[in-house]
Amino acid sequence: MVNKVGIIAGTGFYTLPALSNSTPRAVDTKFGQALITSGMWGDIPIEFVTRHGVKHTVPPSQVNYRANIQALRDLGVNRVIAINVVGSIDPTLKAGDLQIITDFVDFTSGREDTFFDGINEALQHTDVVDAYDVEMGAVLTQAGAELGITVKQKGVYAGFNGPRFETPAEIRLAALAGATVVGMTGCPEATLACEAGLRYASIALCVNPAAGVSDQKITMEDISAVLASSSQKVIDILNLALPRI
């Protein structure tokens, strides 16, 4: 039996080329609706979530993370690959670089961030040391190496609410906590996947220096330009890695 793989992506990844003939549909869960596109990537059945909606209308703090993860689990997914579009806190990470995320710092607030809220599920305390699946991260890294694409390691994701970009002081704080990249949608997605018993890996695509890391002003135009030139690298890695995952 071929396992279904879930793919969750954000800015710039509103469709996947391999699923171009598939139509998103609303999937009901006890946490609300999730927008899911089902299709085949070669021989691999895929359930795809675009976090912000197909027209980028859902702000990061309003994404229904619980519904997204619950829907994937209900549809039989047991492995999830997350694509995170991020800013670079580590100055050695340049626009277009890729990094495997292995840890996070959660600076978000006000989000429905657990299944075990004592209302929908009984209270539990979850160990999230292994929230990111090491084996899947290694498969993504190896696929990149075989394609001549460098995938850097040991990324630490700092999650902020958005949709505004962070201040230089917030980025300095995140850097003190060891963060290498910053984004708005990785938390609580990773921990919810862990609570749901899903194997979860994240590959981050750096699209700009974070606030204060350089003198460069952050603009969506520049971010879009990097996505246009670099997003294919992620697709190529997935094309090679998915059959192994």
C-alpha atoms as a PDB file:
ATOM      1  CA  MET A   1       0.000   0.000   0.000  1.00  0.00           C
ATOM      2  CA  VAL A   2       1.315   3.443  -0.952  1.00  0.00           C
ATOM      3  CA  ASN A   3       1.080   5.940   1.895  1.00  0.00           C
ATOM      4  CA  LYS A   4      -0.551   9.278   1.290  1.00  0.00           C
ATOM      5  CA  VAL A   5       1.716  12.273   1.773  1.00  0.00           C
ATOM      6  CA  GLY A   6       0.488  15.660   2.904  1.00  0.00           C
ATOM      7  CA  ILE A   7       2.129  18.807   1.553  1.00  0.00           C
ATOM      8  CA  ILE A   8       1.486  22.124   3.278  1.00  0.00           C
ATOM      9  CA  ALA A   9       2.784  25.320   1.702  1.00  0.00           C
ATOM     10  CA  GLY A  10       2.410  29.062   2.004  1.00  0.00           C
ATOM     11  CA  THR A  11       3.322  32.204   0.111  1.00  0.00           C
ATOM     12  CA  GLY A  12       3.988  31.561  -3.560  1.00  0.00           C
ATOM     13  CA  PHE A  13       2.871  27.927  -3.489  1.00  0.00           C
ATOM     14  CA  TYR A  14      -0.855  28.127  -4.217  1.00  0.00           C
ATOM     15  CA  THR A  15      -0.871  25.171  -6.606  1.00  0.00           C
ATOM     16  CA  LEU A  16       1.546  22.353  -7.317  1.00  0.00           C
ATOM     17  CA  PRO A  17       2.448  21.530 -10.940  1.00  0.00           C
ATOM     18  CA  ALA A  18       1.861  17.816 -10.426  1.00  0.00           C
ATOM     19  CA  LEU A  19      -1.674  18.510  -9.170  1.00  0.00           C
ATOM     20  CA  SER A  20      -2.555  21.071 -11.832  1.00  0.00           C
ATOM     21  CA  ASN A  21      -5.657  19.169 -12.928  1.00  0.00           C
ATOM     22  CA  SER A  22      -7.022  18.853  -9.383  1.00  0.00           C
ATOM     23  CA  THR A  23      -9.576  21.159  -7.775  1.00  0.00           C
ATOM     24  CA  PRO A  24      -9.443  22.272  -4.118  1.00  0.00           C
ATOM     25  CA  ARG A  25     -12.393  21.220  -1.977  1.00  0.00           C
ATOM     26  CA  ALA A  26     -13.562  22.057   1.523  1.00  0.00           C
ATOM     27  CA  VAL A  27     -13.086  19.214   4.000  1.00  0.00           C
ATOM     28  CA  ASP A  28     -15.129  19.382   7.190  1.00  0.00           C
ATOM     29  CA  THR A  29     -13.504  18.596  10.532  1.00  0.00           C
ATOM     30  CA  LYS A  30     -14.613  19.157  14.113  1.00  0.00           C
ATOM     31  CA  PHE A  31     -12.325  22.203  14.103  1.00  0.00           C
ATOM     32  CA  GLY A  32     -13.856  23.742  10.992  1.00  0.00           C
ATOM     33  CA  GLN A  33     -13.108  23.461   7.294  1.00  0.00           C
ATOM     34  CA  ALA A  34      -9.800  22.889   5.545  1.00  0.00           C
ATOM     35  CA  LEU A  35      -9.195  23.544   1.854  1.00  0.00           C
ATOM     36  CA  ILE A  36      -7.584  20.418   0.410  1.00  0.00           C
ATOM     37  CA  THR A  37      -6.419  19.538  -3.089  1.00  0.00           C
ATOM     38  CA  SER A  38      -6.134  15.802  -3.727  1.00  0.00           C
ATOM     39  CA  GLY A  39      -4.171  14.337  -6.592  1.00  0.00           C
ATOM     40  CA  MET A  40      -1.287  12.174  -7.710  1.00  0.00           C
ATOM     41  CA  TRP A  41       2.387  13.119  -7.898  1.00  0.00           C
ATOM     42  CA  GLY A  42       3.587  10.302 -10.090  1.00  0.00           C
ATOM     43  CA  ASP A  43       2.482   7.209  -8.181  1.00  0.00           C
ATOM     44  CA  ILE A  44       2.177   9.037  -4.852  1.00  0.00           C
ATOM     45  CA  PRO A  45      -1.262  10.138  -3.596  1.00  0.00           C
ATOM     46  CA  ILE A  46      -1.023  13.706  -2.307  1.00  0.00           C
ATOM     47  CA  GLU A  47      -3.231  15.838  -0.074  1.00  0.00           C
ATOM     48  CA  PHE A  48      -2.195  19.467  -0.505  1.00  0.00           C
ATOM     49  CA  VAL A  49      -2.960  22.450   1.726  1.00  0.00           C
ATOM     50  CA  THR A  50      -2.137  26.005   0.722  1.00  0.00           C
ATOM     51  CA  ARG A  51      -2.184  27.835   4.050  1.00  0.00           C
ATOM     52  CA  HIS A  52      -3.311  31.252   2.832  1.00  0.00           C
ATOM     53  CA  GLY A  53      -5.901  29.994   0.352  1.00  0.00           C
ATOM     54  CA  VAL A  54      -5.567  29.894  -3.406  1.00  0.00           C
ATOM     55  CA  LYS A  55      -5.731  33.712  -3.669  1.00  0.00           C
ATOM     56  CA  HIS A  56      -3.621  34.491  -0.586  1.00  0.00           C
ATOM     57  CA  THR A  57      -6.536  35.918   1.370  1.00  0.00           C
ATOM     58  CA  VAL A  58      -6.031  34.247   4.773  1.00  0.00           C
ATOM     59  CA  PRO A  59      -3.600  36.058   7.124  1.00  0.00           C
ATOM     60  CA  PRO A  60      -1.145  33.902   9.084  1.00  0.00           C
ATOM     61  CA  SER A  61      -2.856  34.405  12.449  1.00  0.00           C
ATOM     62  CA  GLN A  62      -6.214  33.340  10.977  1.00  0.00           C
ATOM     63  CA  VAL A  63      -5.080  30.087   9.346  1.00  0.00           C
ATOM     64  CA  ASN A  64      -7.095  27.222  10.820  1.00  0.00           C
ATOM     65  CA  TYR A  65      -4.080  25.105  11.672  1.00  0.00           C
ATOM     66  CA  ARG A  66      -6.077  22.563  13.666  1.00  0.00           C
ATOM     67  CA  ALA A  67      -8.523  21.967  10.805  1.00  0.00           C
ATOM     68  CA  ASN A  68      -5.657  21.589   8.312  1.00  0.00           C
ATOM     69  CA  ILE A  69      -3.847  18.959  10.362  1.00  0.00           C
ATOM     70  CA  GLN A  70      -7.062  17.181  11.379  1.00  0.00           C
ATOM     71  CA  ALA A  71      -8.216  17.009   7.747  1.00  0.00           C
ATOM     72  CA  LEU A  72      -4.910  15.494   6.633  1.00  0.00           C
ATOM     73  CA  ARG A  73      -5.109  12.884   9.381  1.00  0.00           C
ATOM     74  CA  ASP A  74      -8.748  12.110   8.549  1.00  0.00           C
ATOM     75  CA  LEU A  75      -7.774  11.631   4.892  1.00  0.00           C
ATOM     76  CA  GLY A  76      -5.219   8.980   5.810  1.00  0.00           C
ATOM     77  CA  VAL A  77      -2.037  11.058   5.631  1.00  0.00           C
ATOM     78  CA  ASN A  78       0.754   9.930   7.934  1.00  0.00           C
ATOM     79  CA  ARG A  79       3.665  11.969   6.546  1.00  0.00           C
ATOM     80  CA  VAL A  80       3.675  15.724   5.984  1.00  0.00           C
ATOM     81  CA  ILE A  81       6.174  17.895   4.146  1.00  0.00           C
ATOM     82  CA  ALA A  82       5.890  21.579   4.983  1.00  0.00           C
ATOM     83  CA  ILE A  83       7.279  24.270   2.708  1.00  0.00           C
ATOM     84  CA  ASN A  84       8.006  27.430   4.696  1.00  0.00           C
ATOM     85  CA  VAL A  85       8.862  30.701   2.974  1.00  0.00           C
ATOM     86  CA  VAL A  86      11.054  32.575   5.434  1.00  0.00           C
ATOM     87  CA  GLY A  87      13.283  35.526   6.168  1.00  0.00           C
ATOM     88  CA  SER A  88      16.931  34.902   7.017  1.00  0.00           C
ATOM     89  CA  ILE A  89      18.099  35.693  10.539  1.00  0.00           C
ATOM     90  CA  ASP A  90      21.415  33.910  10.009  1.00  0.00           C
ATOM     91  CA  PRO A  91      23.324  36.348   7.747  1.00  0.00           C
ATOM     92  CA  THR A  92      25.011  33.438   5.955  1.00  0.00           C
ATOM     93  CA  LEU A  93      21.608  32.406   4.552  1.00  0.00           C
ATOM     94  CA  LYS A  94      20.968  34.260   1.318  1.00  0.00           C
ATOM     95  CA  ALA A  95      17.831  34.738  -0.758  1.00  0.00           C
ATOM     96  CA  GLY A  96      17.117  31.475  -2.551  1.00  0.00           C
ATOM     97  CA  ASP A  97      18.875  29.285   0.031  1.00  0.00           C
ATOM     98  CA  LEU A  98      17.141  26.217   1.461  1.00  0.00           C
ATOM     99  CA  GLN A  99      17.340  24.924   5.018  1.00  0.00           C
ATOM    100  CA  ILE A 100      15.871  21.942   6.856  1.00  0.00           C
ATOM    101  CA  ILE A 101      14.092  23.030  10.043  1.00  0.00           C
ATOM    102  CA  THR A 102      14.912  20.995  13.148  1.00  0.00           C
ATOM    103  CA  ASP A 103      13.649  23.218  15.991  1.00  0.00           C
ATOM    104  CA  PHE A 104      11.498  26.276  16.623  1.00  0.00           C
ATOM    105  CA  VAL A 105      10.865  29.229  18.905  1.00  0.00           C
ATOM    106  CA  ASP A 106       7.197  30.230  19.092  1.00  0.00           C
ATOM    107  CA  PHE A 107       6.589  33.965  19.496  1.00  0.00           C
ATOM    108  CA  THR A 108       2.987  33.768  18.279  1.00  0.00           C
ATOM    109  CA  SER A 109      -0.014  34.522  20.462  1.00  0.00           C
ATOM    110  CA  GLY A 110      -3.787  34.062  20.350  1.00  0.00           C
ATOM    111  CA  ARG A 111      -3.726  31.012  18.090  1.00  0.00           C
ATOM    112  CA  GLU A 112      -5.608  27.753  18.630  1.00  0.00           C
ATOM    113  CA  ASP A 113      -2.405  25.847  19.191  1.00  0.00           C
ATOM    114  CA  THR A 114      -3.359  22.426  20.589  1.00  0.00           C
ATOM    115  CA  PHE A 115      -5.819  19.604  20.114  1.00  0.00           C
ATOM    116  CA  PHE A 116      -5.547  18.782  23.813  1.00  0.00           C
ATOM    117  CA  ASP A 117      -7.443  21.810  25.103  1.00  0.00           C
ATOM    118  CA  GLY A 118      -9.577  19.908  27.616  1.00  0.00           C
ATOM    119  CA  ILE A 119     -12.649  20.613  25.473  1.00  0.00           C
ATOM    120  CA  ASN A 120     -12.194  18.814  22.170  1.00  0.00           C
ATOM    121  CA  GLU A 121      -9.607  16.383  23.526  1.00  0.00           C
ATOM    122  CA  ALA A 122      -8.539  15.481  27.067  1.00  0.00           C
ATOM    123  CA  LEU A 123      -5.589  17.449  28.385  1.00  0.00           C
ATOM    124  CA  GLN A 124      -2.210  15.949  27.481  1.00  0.00           C
ATOM    125  CA  HIS A 125       1.333  17.293  27.625  1.00  0.00           C
ATOM    126  CA  THR A 126       3.210  16.495  24.422  1.00  0.00           C
ATOM    127  CA  ASP A 127       6.965  16.084  24.035  1.00  0.00           C
ATOM    128  CA  VAL A 128       7.925  18.041  20.910  1.00  0.00           C
ATOM    129  CA  VAL A 129      11.670  17.385  20.948  1.00  0.00           C
ATOM    130  CA  ASP A 130      11.157  15.286  17.818  1.00  0.00           C
ATOM    131  CA  ALA A 131       8.473  17.433  16.198  1.00  0.00           C
ATOM    132  CA  TYR A 132      10.547  17.477  12.984  1.00  0.00           C
ATOM    133  CA  ASP A 133      11.207  14.068  11.459  1.00  0.00           C
ATOM    134  CA  VAL A 134      14.949  13.499  11.070  1.00  0.00           C
ATOM    135  CA  GLU A 135      14.634  10.720   8.488  1.00  0.00           C
ATOM    136  CA  MET A 136      12.377  12.725   6.188  1.00  0.00           C
ATOM    137  CA  GLY A 137      14.674  15.738   6.519  1.00  0.00           C
ATOM    138  CA  ALA A 138      17.590  13.551   5.469  1.00  0.00           C
ATOM    139  CA  VAL A 139      15.681  12.321   2.405  1.00  0.00           C
ATOM    140  CA  LEU A 140      15.008  15.921   1.337  1.00  0.00           C
ATOM    141  CA  THR A 141      18.655  16.819   1.899  1.00  0.00           C
ATOM    142  CA  GLN A 142      19.912  13.849  -0.113  1.00  0.00           C
ATOM    143  CA  ALA A 143      17.542  14.643  -2.966  1.00  0.00           C
ATOM    144  CA  GLY A 144      18.929  18.159  -3.062  1.00  0.00           C
ATOM    145  CA  ALA A 145      22.504  16.861  -3.096  1.00  0.00           C
ATOM    146  CA  GLU A 146      21.773  14.550  -6.019  1.00  0.00           C
ATOM    147  CA  LEU A 147      20.350  17.516  -7.932  1.00  0.00           C
ATOM    148  CA  GLY A 148      23.288  19.773  -7.084  1.00  0.00           C
ATOM    149  CA  ILE A 149      21.100  21.878  -4.772  1.00  0.00           C
ATOM    150  CA  THR A 150      22.556  22.740  -1.381  1.00  0.00           C
ATOM    151  CA  VAL A 151      20.107  22.184   1.462  1.00  0.00           C
ATOM    152  CA  LYS A 152      21.509  23.588   4.683  1.00  0.00           C
ATOM    153  CA  GLN A 153      20.915  21.915   8.025  1.00  0.00           C
ATOM    154  CA  LYS A 154      19.841  22.620  11.611  1.00  0.00           C
ATOM    155  CA  GLY A 155      17.425  25.420  10.922  1.00  0.00           C
ATOM    156  CA  VAL A 156      15.674  26.977  13.902  1.00  0.00           C
ATOM    157  CA  TYR A 157      12.370  28.597  12.995  1.00  0.00           C
ATOM    158  CA  ALA A 158      11.116  31.692  14.825  1.00  0.00           C
ATOM    159  CA  GLY A 159       7.348  32.045  14.476  1.00  0.00           C
ATOM    160  CA  PHE A 160       5.673  35.470  14.680  1.00  0.00           C
ATOM    161  CA  ASN A 161       2.026  36.417  14.197  1.00  0.00           C
ATOM    162  CA  GLY A 162       2.205  38.629  11.115  1.00  0.00           C
ATOM    163  CA  PRO A 163       0.958  39.755   8.725  1.00  0.00           C
ATOM    164  CA  ARG A 164       3.320  42.623   9.440  1.00  0.00           C
ATOM    165  CA  PHE A 165       7.018  41.902   9.213  1.00  0.00           C
ATOM    166  CA  GLU A 166       9.028  41.823  12.409  1.00  0.00           C
ATOM    167  CA  THR A 167      10.963  44.723  13.948  1.00  0.00           C
ATOM    168  CA  PRO A 168      14.767  44.665  14.107  1.00  0.00           C
ATOM    169  CA  ALA A 169      14.496  44.297  17.902  1.00  0.00           C
ATOM    170  CA  GLU A 170      12.235  41.247  17.525  1.00  0.00           C
ATOM    171  CA  ILE A 171      14.724  39.697  15.135  1.00  0.00           C
ATOM    172  CA  ARG A 172      17.582  40.362  17.562  1.00  0.00           C
ATOM    173  CA  LEU A 173      15.535  38.635  20.272  1.00  0.00           C
ATOM    174  CA  ALA A 174      14.915  35.640  18.013  1.00  0.00           C
ATOM    175  CA  ALA A 175      18.620  35.482  17.141  1.00  0.00           C
ATOM    176  CA  LEU A 176      19.484  35.377  20.848  1.00  0.00           C
ATOM    177  CA  ALA A 177      17.185  32.337  21.110  1.00  0.00           C
ATOM    178  CA  GLY A 178      19.162  30.617  18.354  1.00  0.00           C
ATOM    179  CA  ALA A 179      16.734  31.160  15.473  1.00  0.00           C
ATOM    180  CA  THR A 180      18.159  31.058  11.956  1.00  0.00           C
ATOM    181  CA  VAL A 181      14.985  31.902  10.006  1.00  0.00           C
ATOM    182  CA  VAL A 182      11.717  33.683  10.691  1.00  0.00           C
ATOM    183  CA  GLY A 183       8.208  33.067   9.417  1.00  0.00           C
ATOM    184  CA  MET A 184       4.541  33.403  10.290  1.00  0.00           C
ATOM    185  CA  THR A 185       2.957  29.979   9.727  1.00  0.00           C
ATOM    186  CA  GLY A 186       5.273  27.301  11.117  1.00  0.00           C
ATOM    187  CA  CYS A 187       3.770  27.579  14.607  1.00  0.00           C
ATOM    188  CA  PRO A 188       1.599  25.866  15.789  1.00  0.00           C
ATOM    189  CA  GLU A 189       1.523  23.710  12.652  1.00  0.00           C
ATOM    190  CA  ALA A 190       4.543  21.619  13.627  1.00  0.00           C
ATOM    191  CA  THR A 191       3.335  20.893  17.155  1.00  0.00           C
ATOM    192  CA  LEU A 192      -0.189  20.059  15.996  1.00  0.00           C
ATOM    193  CA  ALA A 193       1.257  17.550  13.553  1.00  0.00           C
ATOM    194  CA  CYS A 194       3.247  16.084  16.439  1.00  0.00           C
ATOM    195  CA  GLU A 195       0.122  15.863  18.602  1.00  0.00           C
ATOM    196  CA  ALA A 196      -1.702  14.161  15.735  1.00  0.00           C
ATOM    197  CA  GLY A 197       1.001  11.519  15.409  1.00  0.00           C
ATOM    198  CA  LEU A 198       2.049  12.637  11.923  1.00  0.00           C
ATOM    199  CA  ARG A 199       5.636  12.511  10.748  1.00  0.00           C
ATOM    200  CA  TYR A 200       6.448  16.095   9.795  1.00  0.00           C
ATOM    201  CA  ALA A 201       9.391  17.683   7.994  1.00  0.00           C
ATOM    202  CA  SER A 202       9.917  21.294   6.999  1.00  0.00           C
ATOM    203  CA  ILE A 203      12.059  22.704   4.217  1.00  0.00           C
ATOM    204  CA  ALA A 204      12.482  26.472   4.401  1.00  0.00           C
ATOM    205  CA  LEU A 205      13.044  28.690   1.371  1.00  0.00           C
ATOM    206  CA  CYS A 206      14.754  31.944   2.309  1.00  0.00           C
ATOM    207  CA  VAL A 207      13.405  34.896   0.346  1.00  0.00           C
ATOM    208  CA  ASN A 208      14.765  37.975   2.158  1.00  0.00           C
ATOM    209  CA  PRO A 209      17.024  39.080   5.000  1.00  0.00           C
ATOM    210  CA  ALA A 210      14.989  39.582   8.178  1.00  0.00           C
ATOM    211  CA  ALA A 211      14.527  43.107   9.522  1.00  0.00           C
ATOM    212  CA  GLY A 212      17.820  44.616  10.634  1.00  0.00           C
ATOM    213  CA  VAL A 213      19.975  41.818   9.238  1.00  0.00           C
ATOM    214  CA  SER A 214      20.784  44.030   6.258  1.00  0.00           C
ATOM    215  CA  ASP A 215      19.905  47.507   5.040  1.00  0.00           C
ATOM    216  CA  GLN A 216      17.541  45.978   2.505  1.00  0.00           C
ATOM    217  CA  LYS A 217      13.907  46.983   2.902  1.00  0.00           C
ATOM    218  CA  ILE A 218      11.499  44.036   2.816  1.00  0.00           C
ATOM    219  CA  THR A 219       9.030  44.247  -0.069  1.00  0.00           C
ATOM    220  CA  MET A 220       6.588  41.737  -1.496  1.00  0.00           C
ATOM    221  CA  GLU A 221       7.928  42.577  -4.938  1.00  0.00           C
ATOM    222  CA  ASP A 222      11.403  41.368  -3.979  1.00  0.00           C
ATOM    223  CA  ILE A 223       9.975  38.298  -2.253  1.00  0.00           C
ATOM    224  CA  SER A 224       7.923  37.452  -5.334  1.00  0.00           C
ATOM    225  CA  ALA A 225      11.024  37.775  -7.519  1.00  0.00           C
ATOM    226  CA  VAL A 226      12.944  35.295  -5.355  1.00  0.00           C
ATOM    227  CA  LEU A 227       9.999  32.899  -5.364  1.00  0.00           C
ATOM    228  CA  ALA A 228       9.845  33.094  -9.145  1.00  0.00           C
ATOM    229  CA  SER A 229      13.530  32.230  -9.469  1.00  0.00           C
ATOM    230  CA  SER A 230      13.892  29.698  -6.631  1.00  0.00           C
ATOM    231  CA  SER A 231      10.615  27.859  -5.971  1.00  0.00           C
ATOM    232  CA  GLN A 232      11.365  25.351  -8.742  1.00  0.00           C
ATOM    233  CA  LYS A 233      14.265  24.043  -6.628  1.00  0.00           C
ATOM    234  CA  VAL A 234      11.778  22.944  -3.985  1.00  0.00           C
ATOM    235  CA  ILE A 235       9.569  21.268  -6.597  1.00  0.00           C
ATOM    236  CA  ASP A 236      12.569  19.435  -8.070  1.00  0.00           C
ATOM    237  CA  ILE A 237      13.592  18.168  -4.626  1.00  0.00           C
ATOM    238  CA  LEU A 238      10.064  16.966  -3.909  1.00  0.00           C
ATOM    239  CA  ASN A 239       9.918  15.221  -7.266  1.00  0.00           C
ATOM    240  CA  LEU A 240      12.946  13.135  -6.323  1.00  0.00           C
ATOM    241  CA  ALA A 241      12.212  12.766  -2.600  1.00  0.00           C
ATOM    242  CA  LEU A 242       8.528  11.868  -2.586  1.00  0.00           C
ATOM    243  CA  PRO A 243       8.874   8.252  -3.780  1.00  0.00           C
ATOM    244  CA  ARG A 244      11.465   7.693  -1.028  1.00  0.00           C
ATOM    245  CA  ILE A 245       9.241   9.256   1.624  1.00  0.00           C
END
